[in-house]
Amino acid sequence: MSPAKLLVSILFTASILFGAFIVLSPFILAILWAAILAVASWPLHEVIARRLDRHASWAPAASTTLVLIFLVGPMALLLVFLSQDVYTAASYLIEADTYGKPVPAVLDKLPLGGEYLTQLWEKYLAQPKRLSAILEAQLDLIRNAAQTVFLDLTSRLATLLFALWVLYFFYQDGKAISAWVNQIGYKWLERRWPSYVFQLPDALRAAVNGIVIVGFGEALLLSLLLWICGVPSAVTLGVITAVIAFIPMAAPLLLGVIGFILFASDAPVAGIAVFSLGTIIVMAADYVVRPVLIQGGTALPFLAILFGIFGGVGTMGIVGLIIGPVLLVLLLVLFREAAIDERAVDLDLTQSMRAYDPERDRRR
C-alpha cells in the first residue's frame, strides 16, 4: 500500500473509532459493568442454562433476574435503613430548632476539637430558631445541592438498570461475542493472545468475588457489631465503614471516633469493643480475606493485589476496584511473556546464578 493510501486508511479507521466513541461515551460505564458482571457470573449462567434444559432460552432472563436480586436487593434494604436515619436526624433538628437542645456532655470530654464543637452547638442548636434562620439564608445553596445529589443518584440508578439490560444480551449472545473477540485477538496478537485471554476471566471473577462477597460480609459484621454495642444508625455506619475501608486507615479512624464517643458516654466496654473488634474485622477483611480470594484466581503476589485495589480506586473510582487487580494480572502475564524466548523456553537464570561460584572460578 502506498503511503498516501495508508494515510487515508488510517484516517478512515480513526474517524470511525472516534465517531463510535462519541456515540457510545454516555453508555461506556454501563457496558463495562455489564461485561464485568457477565464474565464474573458466566459459570453461574451456564449452570442455570443446564438446569433449564429444554427451556434454555429462558436462561439469560433467569440469570439477569438473579443478578438483579443480589445487586438491587441489598441496595433497596440499605435505602430503607438510610431513610429511617435521615427521618430521625431531621426530626431531631426540627425539635432542636423549635425548643433548643442542650450541649451534650460528651463534647466536653473530647481531647481534640471539643471546645470548637461546643461553640458550634451553642451557636446553632442550643437556641431556638437559629438553625431555621441559617437555612433560610442558604436556601438556594441547599436547593442546588439537593438537586445535584438527586441527579447524581438518578444517573447512577439509570446506569445500573441499563447495565442489567445490556447484561441480558451478553448472556444471550456471550458465546458469539467471545468467538468474535477471539478472532480479532488471534488475528492481531497471534501467539500472544492465549496468554492474556486465558488469564482475564479468572482474574475478573476473583476480583468480583473478593470485592462483592468480602464487602457484603464486612458491612454485615460491622453493622451487627455496632447494633450490639448500641450505636445509633448501626446499619448506615456499618456500610459507610465498609466502603471507606478501601482508603488505607480510614475505617479504623472512624471506628476510633465512634468508640471514643461511646467511651466518653459512660459506655467504656462498648467503646473498646467497637474499636478493637471493628478494627480486627476491617484488617482481616481488607488485608487477609480479600487479597486471598483475589490471589486464588490471579496468582498475583499479596503486595501487588493491594496495589491493584488501592491504586485502582484512587485513579478510576469504584470501577478501579476490579480493573486495578486485572490490569496488574495482565502486567504479570506481560512480564512472563518477556521472560520466554522465541523457542518458548523460560529464561530462568536462578539456577545458573546459584551454580556460579566466583571463588571456585578464580582458583581454577
Protein backbone atom coordinates (compact mmCIF):
# COMPACT_ATOMS: atom_id res chain seq x y z
CA MET A 1 0.00 0.00 0.00
CA SER A 2 1.33 3.41 -0.96
CA PRO A 3 1.95 5.98 1.83
CA ALA A 4 -0.97 8.12 0.61
CA LYS A 5 -3.40 5.20 0.67
CA LEU A 6 -2.05 4.06 4.04
CA LEU A 7 -2.69 7.55 5.47
CA VAL A 8 -6.22 7.60 4.07
CA SER A 9 -6.87 4.13 5.52
CA ILE A 10 -5.61 5.20 8.97
CA LEU A 11 -7.70 8.38 8.92
CA PHE A 12 -10.76 6.44 7.80
CA THR A 13 -10.36 3.90 10.61
CA ALA A 14 -9.65 6.62 13.19
CA SER A 15 -12.74 8.59 12.16
CA ILE A 16 -14.95 5.52 12.59
CA LEU A 17 -13.48 4.76 16.03
CA PHE A 18 -13.74 8.39 17.13
CA GLY A 19 -17.35 8.67 15.97
CA ALA A 20 -18.29 5.39 17.67
CA PHE A 21 -16.63 6.58 20.88
CA ILE A 22 -18.66 9.82 20.84
CA VAL A 23 -21.90 7.90 20.29
CA LEU A 24 -21.16 5.28 22.97
CA SER A 25 -19.48 7.55 25.54
CA PRO A 26 -22.67 8.02 27.64
CA PHE A 27 -23.02 4.22 27.90
CA ILE A 28 -19.39 3.09 28.26
CA LEU A 29 -19.56 2.76 32.04
CA ALA A 30 -22.77 0.71 31.90
CA ILE A 31 -21.37 -1.53 29.15
CA LEU A 32 -18.15 -2.01 31.12
CA TRP A 33 -20.08 -3.00 34.25
CA ALA A 34 -22.27 -5.37 32.23
CA ALA A 35 -19.20 -7.01 30.69
CA ILE A 36 -17.56 -7.44 34.12
CA LEU A 37 -20.73 -8.95 35.59
CA ALA A 38 -21.17 -11.25 32.60
CA VAL A 39 -17.63 -12.63 32.78
CA ALA A 40 -17.71 -12.96 36.56
CA SER A 41 -21.08 -14.75 36.66
CA TRP A 42 -20.75 -16.79 33.45
CA PRO A 43 -20.26 -20.15 35.26
CA LEU A 44 -23.48 -19.49 37.20
CA HIS A 45 -25.28 -18.69 33.94
CA GLU A 46 -24.11 -21.97 32.42
CA VAL A 47 -25.40 -23.89 35.45
CA ILE A 48 -28.79 -22.17 35.10
CA ALA A 49 -28.86 -22.96 31.36
CA ARG A 50 -28.17 -26.65 32.05
CA ARG A 51 -30.84 -26.81 34.73
CA LEU A 52 -33.45 -25.29 32.44
CA ASP A 53 -32.51 -27.85 29.75
CA ARG A 54 -35.32 -27.64 27.18
CA HIS A 55 -36.12 -24.08 28.19
CA ALA A 56 -32.52 -22.90 27.90
CA SER A 57 -33.73 -19.81 26.02
CA TRP A 58 -35.02 -18.53 29.34
CA ALA A 59 -31.56 -18.76 30.91
CA PRO A 60 -30.49 -15.16 30.06
CA ALA A 61 -33.62 -13.75 31.70
CA ALA A 62 -33.23 -16.02 34.74
CA SER A 63 -29.55 -15.14 35.18
CA THR A 64 -30.23 -11.41 34.81
CA THR A 65 -33.06 -11.63 37.35
CA LEU A 66 -30.79 -13.40 39.82
CA VAL A 67 -28.09 -10.73 39.45
CA LEU A 68 -30.78 -8.05 39.81
CA ILE A 69 -31.97 -9.57 43.10
CA PHE A 70 -28.45 -9.82 44.56
CA LEU A 71 -27.50 -6.31 43.44
CA VAL A 72 -30.68 -4.28 43.90
CA GLY A 73 -31.96 -6.17 46.96
CA PRO A 74 -29.20 -5.08 49.37
CA MET A 75 -29.29 -1.55 47.91
CA ALA A 76 -33.04 -1.28 48.49
CA LEU A 77 -32.63 -2.57 52.06
CA LEU A 78 -29.87 -0.02 52.66
CA LEU A 79 -32.11 2.76 51.37
CA VAL A 80 -34.80 1.74 53.86
CA PHE A 81 -32.39 1.99 56.80
CA LEU A 82 -30.89 5.20 55.38
CA SER A 83 -34.31 6.81 55.02
CA GLN A 84 -35.11 5.92 58.64
CA ASP A 85 -31.85 7.50 59.80
CA VAL A 86 -32.49 10.63 57.73
CA TYR A 87 -36.00 10.91 59.19
CA THR A 88 -34.65 10.53 62.74
CA ALA A 89 -31.96 13.16 62.16
CA ALA A 90 -34.44 15.56 60.56
CA SER A 91 -36.86 15.13 63.47
CA TYR A 92 -34.07 15.86 65.94
CA LEU A 93 -33.03 19.01 64.06
CA ILE A 94 -36.63 20.24 63.87
CA GLU A 95 -37.03 19.72 67.60
CA ALA A 96 -33.73 21.50 68.28
CA ASP A 97 -34.80 24.43 66.12
CA THR A 98 -38.16 24.64 67.89
CA TYR A 99 -37.12 24.25 71.51
CA GLY A 100 -33.31 24.18 71.53
CA LYS A 101 -31.06 21.32 72.67
CA PRO A 102 -28.50 21.48 75.48
CA VAL A 103 -24.88 20.76 74.64
CA PRO A 104 -24.13 17.01 75.07
CA ALA A 105 -21.72 16.30 77.89
CA VAL A 106 -19.61 14.09 75.62
CA LEU A 107 -18.35 17.14 73.69
CA ASP A 108 -16.54 18.44 76.77
CA LYS A 109 -14.67 15.13 77.08
CA LEU A 110 -13.25 15.15 73.55
CA PRO A 111 -9.46 15.63 73.60
CA LEU A 112 -9.41 17.43 70.25
CA GLY A 113 -12.00 19.86 68.91
CA GLY A 114 -14.33 19.59 71.89
CA GLU A 115 -14.33 23.31 72.65
CA TYR A 116 -14.90 24.19 68.99
CA LEU A 117 -17.79 21.73 68.63
CA THR A 118 -19.32 23.08 71.84
CA GLN A 119 -19.24 26.61 70.45
CA LEU A 120 -20.90 25.47 67.22
CA TRP A 121 -23.61 23.61 69.15
CA GLU A 122 -24.34 26.65 71.32
CA LYS A 123 -24.48 28.84 68.24
CA TYR A 124 -26.79 26.74 66.08
CA LEU A 125 -28.66 24.15 68.19
CA ALA A 126 -28.80 25.39 71.77
CA GLN A 127 -31.08 28.36 70.97
CA PRO A 128 -34.45 28.10 69.16
CA LYS A 129 -34.87 29.41 65.62
CA ARG A 130 -31.12 29.67 64.98
CA LEU A 131 -30.95 26.76 62.56
CA SER A 132 -34.01 27.82 60.53
CA ALA A 133 -32.60 31.32 60.10
CA ILE A 134 -29.36 29.90 58.65
CA LEU A 135 -31.25 27.51 56.38
CA GLU A 136 -33.41 30.31 55.03
CA ALA A 137 -30.31 32.36 54.23
CA GLN A 138 -28.71 29.39 52.43
CA LEU A 139 -31.91 28.11 50.81
CA ASP A 140 -30.66 28.47 47.23
CA LEU A 141 -27.41 26.67 48.04
CA ILE A 142 -29.28 23.86 49.77
CA ARG A 143 -31.71 23.55 46.87
CA ASN A 144 -28.87 23.34 44.34
CA ALA A 145 -27.03 20.75 46.44
CA ALA A 146 -30.18 18.66 46.77
CA GLN A 147 -30.76 18.83 43.01
CA THR A 148 -27.16 17.79 42.36
CA VAL A 149 -27.44 14.80 44.71
CA PHE A 150 -30.80 13.80 43.22
CA LEU A 151 -29.47 13.99 39.66
CA ASP A 152 -26.37 12.02 40.61
CA LEU A 153 -28.41 9.27 42.25
CA THR A 154 -30.80 9.19 39.30
CA SER A 155 -27.89 8.93 36.88
CA ARG A 156 -26.31 6.08 38.82
CA LEU A 157 -29.62 4.23 39.02
CA ALA A 158 -30.12 4.63 35.28
CA THR A 159 -26.58 3.34 34.68
CA LEU A 160 -27.29 0.29 36.85
CA LEU A 161 -30.59 -0.50 35.09
CA PHE A 162 -29.00 -0.04 31.65
CA ALA A 163 -26.09 -2.28 32.68
CA LEU A 164 -28.55 -5.00 33.69
CA TRP A 165 -30.36 -4.62 30.36
CA VAL A 166 -27.05 -4.97 28.48
CA LEU A 167 -26.16 -7.91 30.72
CA TYR A 168 -29.19 -9.82 29.39
CA PHE A 169 -27.85 -9.57 25.83
CA PHE A 170 -24.35 -10.53 26.97
CA TYR A 171 -25.83 -13.69 28.47
CA GLN A 172 -27.83 -14.32 25.30
CA ASP A 173 -25.00 -13.73 22.81
CA GLY A 174 -22.00 -14.34 25.06
CA LYS A 175 -20.56 -17.23 23.07
CA ALA A 176 -20.81 -15.35 19.77
CA ILE A 177 -19.21 -12.24 21.30
CA SER A 178 -16.41 -14.35 22.80
CA ALA A 179 -15.71 -16.04 19.45
CA TRP A 180 -15.65 -12.66 17.69
CA VAL A 181 -13.22 -11.18 20.24
CA ASN A 182 -11.00 -14.27 19.96
CA GLN A 183 -10.91 -13.95 16.18
CA ILE A 184 -9.71 -10.37 16.45
CA GLY A 185 -7.19 -11.28 19.17
CA TYR A 186 -5.71 -14.20 17.25
CA LYS A 187 -5.52 -12.14 14.06
CA TRP A 188 -3.56 -9.26 15.56
CA LEU A 189 -1.70 -10.82 18.52
CA GLU A 190 -1.33 -14.36 17.15
CA ARG A 191 0.57 -16.49 19.69
CA ARG A 192 0.46 -13.77 22.36
CA TRP A 193 -3.35 -13.75 22.59
CA PRO A 194 -3.94 -17.04 24.51
CA SER A 195 -1.66 -15.94 27.36
CA TYR A 196 -3.93 -12.99 28.06
CA VAL A 197 -7.38 -14.31 27.23
CA PHE A 198 -6.97 -17.35 29.49
CA GLN A 199 -5.96 -15.18 32.46
CA LEU A 200 -8.60 -12.45 32.13
CA PRO A 201 -11.81 -14.35 33.07
CA ASP A 202 -10.32 -15.89 36.23
CA ALA A 203 -8.87 -12.52 37.24
CA LEU A 204 -12.22 -10.79 36.81
CA ARG A 205 -14.09 -13.46 38.77
CA ALA A 206 -11.54 -13.38 41.56
CA ALA A 207 -11.70 -9.58 41.77
CA VAL A 208 -15.51 -9.50 41.80
CA ASN A 209 -15.75 -12.27 44.40
CA GLY A 210 -13.11 -10.63 46.58
CA ILE A 211 -14.84 -7.26 46.45
CA VAL A 212 -18.56 -8.14 46.48
CA ILE A 213 -18.53 -11.09 48.87
CA VAL A 214 -15.99 -9.65 51.28
CA GLY A 215 -17.56 -6.17 51.15
CA PHE A 216 -21.02 -7.53 51.91
CA GLY A 217 -19.74 -9.70 54.75
CA GLU A 218 -17.68 -6.85 56.18
CA ALA A 219 -20.65 -4.45 56.15
CA LEU A 220 -22.88 -7.11 57.75
CA LEU A 221 -20.42 -7.88 60.57
CA LEU A 222 -19.70 -4.20 61.28
CA SER A 223 -23.41 -3.34 61.33
CA LEU A 224 -24.10 -6.23 63.70
CA LEU A 225 -21.23 -5.15 65.99
CA LEU A 226 -22.44 -1.54 66.11
CA TRP A 227 -26.02 -2.66 66.76
CA ILE A 228 -24.97 -4.92 69.64
CA CYS A 229 -22.95 -2.05 71.14
CA GLY A 230 -25.99 0.24 70.99
CA VAL A 231 -24.70 2.64 68.32
CA PRO A 232 -27.47 4.63 66.57
CA SER A 233 -27.79 4.18 62.79
CA ALA A 234 -25.78 0.96 63.05
CA VAL A 235 -26.52 -0.27 59.51
CA THR A 236 -25.70 3.05 57.86
CA LEU A 237 -22.46 3.45 59.84
CA GLY A 238 -21.50 -0.17 59.17
CA VAL A 239 -21.93 0.25 55.42
CA ILE A 240 -20.05 3.57 55.44
CA THR A 241 -17.19 1.97 57.37
CA ALA A 242 -17.02 -0.95 54.91
CA VAL A 243 -16.98 1.46 51.95
CA ILE A 244 -14.28 3.78 53.27
CA ALA A 245 -12.21 0.72 54.27
CA PHE A 246 -10.76 0.87 50.76
CA ILE A 247 -8.98 4.06 51.86
CA PRO A 248 -5.98 2.98 53.99
CA MET A 249 -6.56 3.50 57.74
CA ALA A 250 -9.82 5.43 57.16
CA ALA A 251 -12.07 2.73 58.64
CA PRO A 252 -10.03 2.27 61.87
CA LEU A 253 -10.05 6.06 62.30
CA LEU A 254 -13.86 6.18 62.03
CA LEU A 255 -14.19 3.23 64.40
CA GLY A 256 -11.87 5.02 66.82
CA VAL A 257 -14.08 8.11 66.77
CA ILE A 258 -17.22 6.02 67.37
CA GLY A 259 -15.50 4.04 70.11
CA PHE A 260 -14.27 7.18 71.87
CA ILE A 261 -17.74 8.75 71.80
CA LEU A 262 -19.15 5.59 73.39
CA PHE A 263 -16.33 5.58 75.94
CA ALA A 264 -16.99 9.21 76.84
CA SER A 265 -20.73 8.48 77.05
CA ASP A 266 -20.24 6.15 80.01
CA ALA A 267 -20.12 3.01 77.83
CA PRO A 268 -16.42 2.08 78.02
CA VAL A 269 -16.89 -1.61 77.25
CA ALA A 270 -18.92 -0.85 74.11
CA GLY A 271 -16.38 1.76 73.00
CA ILE A 272 -13.43 -0.60 73.39
CA ALA A 273 -15.36 -3.39 71.64
CA VAL A 274 -16.28 -1.18 68.67
CA PHE A 275 -12.71 -0.04 68.14
CA SER A 276 -10.88 -3.31 68.81
CA LEU A 277 -13.28 -5.82 67.23
CA GLY A 278 -14.19 -3.45 64.38
CA THR A 279 -10.52 -2.90 63.54
CA ILE A 280 -9.91 -6.66 63.59
CA ILE A 281 -12.84 -7.18 61.20
CA VAL A 282 -11.62 -4.47 58.83
CA MET A 283 -8.00 -5.60 58.86
CA ALA A 284 -8.92 -9.26 58.40
CA ALA A 285 -11.31 -8.48 55.54
CA ASP A 286 -9.15 -5.98 53.64
CA TYR A 287 -5.67 -7.35 54.23
CA VAL A 288 -6.25 -11.10 54.53
CA VAL A 289 -9.55 -12.44 53.17
CA ARG A 290 -9.96 -10.13 50.16
CA PRO A 291 -6.38 -10.48 48.88
CA VAL A 292 -6.50 -14.27 49.41
CA LEU A 293 -9.70 -14.57 47.35
CA ILE A 294 -8.26 -12.40 44.59
CA GLN A 295 -4.90 -14.13 44.74
CA GLY A 296 -6.55 -17.52 44.39
CA GLY A 297 -7.72 -16.66 40.87
CA THR A 298 -4.89 -14.43 39.72
CA ALA A 299 -1.60 -15.81 41.12
CA LEU A 300 -0.65 -12.22 41.97
CA PRO A 301 1.65 -11.51 44.91
CA PHE A 302 -0.07 -10.17 48.02
CA LEU A 303 1.51 -6.71 47.72
CA ALA A 304 0.54 -6.43 44.04
CA ILE A 305 -3.10 -7.14 44.95
CA LEU A 306 -3.09 -4.32 47.50
CA PHE A 307 -1.51 -2.00 44.93
CA GLY A 308 -4.14 -3.02 42.39
CA ILE A 309 -7.07 -2.41 44.76
CA PHE A 310 -5.95 0.90 46.26
CA GLY A 311 -4.35 2.22 43.07
CA GLY A 312 -7.42 1.31 41.03
CA VAL A 313 -9.75 3.08 43.46
CA GLY A 314 -7.54 6.17 43.54
CA THR A 315 -7.33 6.52 39.76
CA MET A 316 -10.59 5.06 38.39
CA GLY A 317 -13.05 5.19 41.27
CA ILE A 318 -15.33 2.26 42.09
CA VAL A 319 -14.62 0.51 38.77
CA GLY A 320 -10.94 0.53 39.69
CA LEU A 321 -11.64 -1.97 42.47
CA ILE A 322 -11.95 -4.60 39.75
CA ILE A 323 -9.95 -3.11 36.89
CA GLY A 324 -6.89 -2.41 39.07
CA PRO A 325 -6.07 -6.04 40.01
CA VAL A 326 -6.98 -7.21 36.49
CA LEU A 327 -4.53 -4.75 34.91
CA LEU A 328 -1.78 -5.98 37.22
CA VAL A 329 -2.60 -9.56 36.19
CA LEU A 330 -2.13 -8.56 32.55
CA LEU A 331 1.13 -6.85 33.51
CA LEU A 332 2.27 -10.06 35.19
CA VAL A 333 1.44 -12.01 32.00
CA LEU A 334 3.44 -9.44 30.03
CA PHE A 335 6.45 -9.94 32.30
CA ARG A 336 6.19 -13.71 31.96
CA GLU A 337 5.92 -13.35 28.22
CA ALA A 338 9.04 -11.19 28.18
CA ALA A 339 10.94 -13.95 30.04
CA ILE A 340 10.28 -16.50 27.30
CA ASP A 341 12.42 -16.65 24.19
CA GLU A 342 11.27 -17.45 20.67
CA ARG A 343 11.52 -21.21 21.34
CA ALA A 344 9.01 -20.82 24.22
CA VAL A 345 11.73 -21.63 26.77
CA ASP A 346 11.53 -19.89 30.14
CA LEU A 347 14.71 -17.90 30.59
CA ASP A 348 15.06 -18.62 34.32
CA LEU A 349 18.67 -17.93 35.30
CA THR A 350 18.14 -18.54 39.01
CA GLN A 351 19.73 -21.99 38.96
CA SER A 352 22.62 -20.76 36.84
CA MET A 353 23.29 -17.91 39.29
CA ARG A 354 23.22 -20.32 42.22
CA ALA A 355 25.64 -22.64 40.48
CA TYR A 356 28.05 -19.79 39.75
CA ASP A 357 30.90 -19.62 42.30
CA PRO A 358 33.39 -16.75 41.73
CA GLU A 359 35.94 -18.18 44.22
CA ARG A 360 35.89 -21.55 42.52
CA ASP A 361 36.44 -19.99 39.10
CA ARG A 362 39.29 -17.84 40.47
CA ARG A 363 41.04 -20.89 41.94
CA ARG A 364 40.78 -22.61 38.58
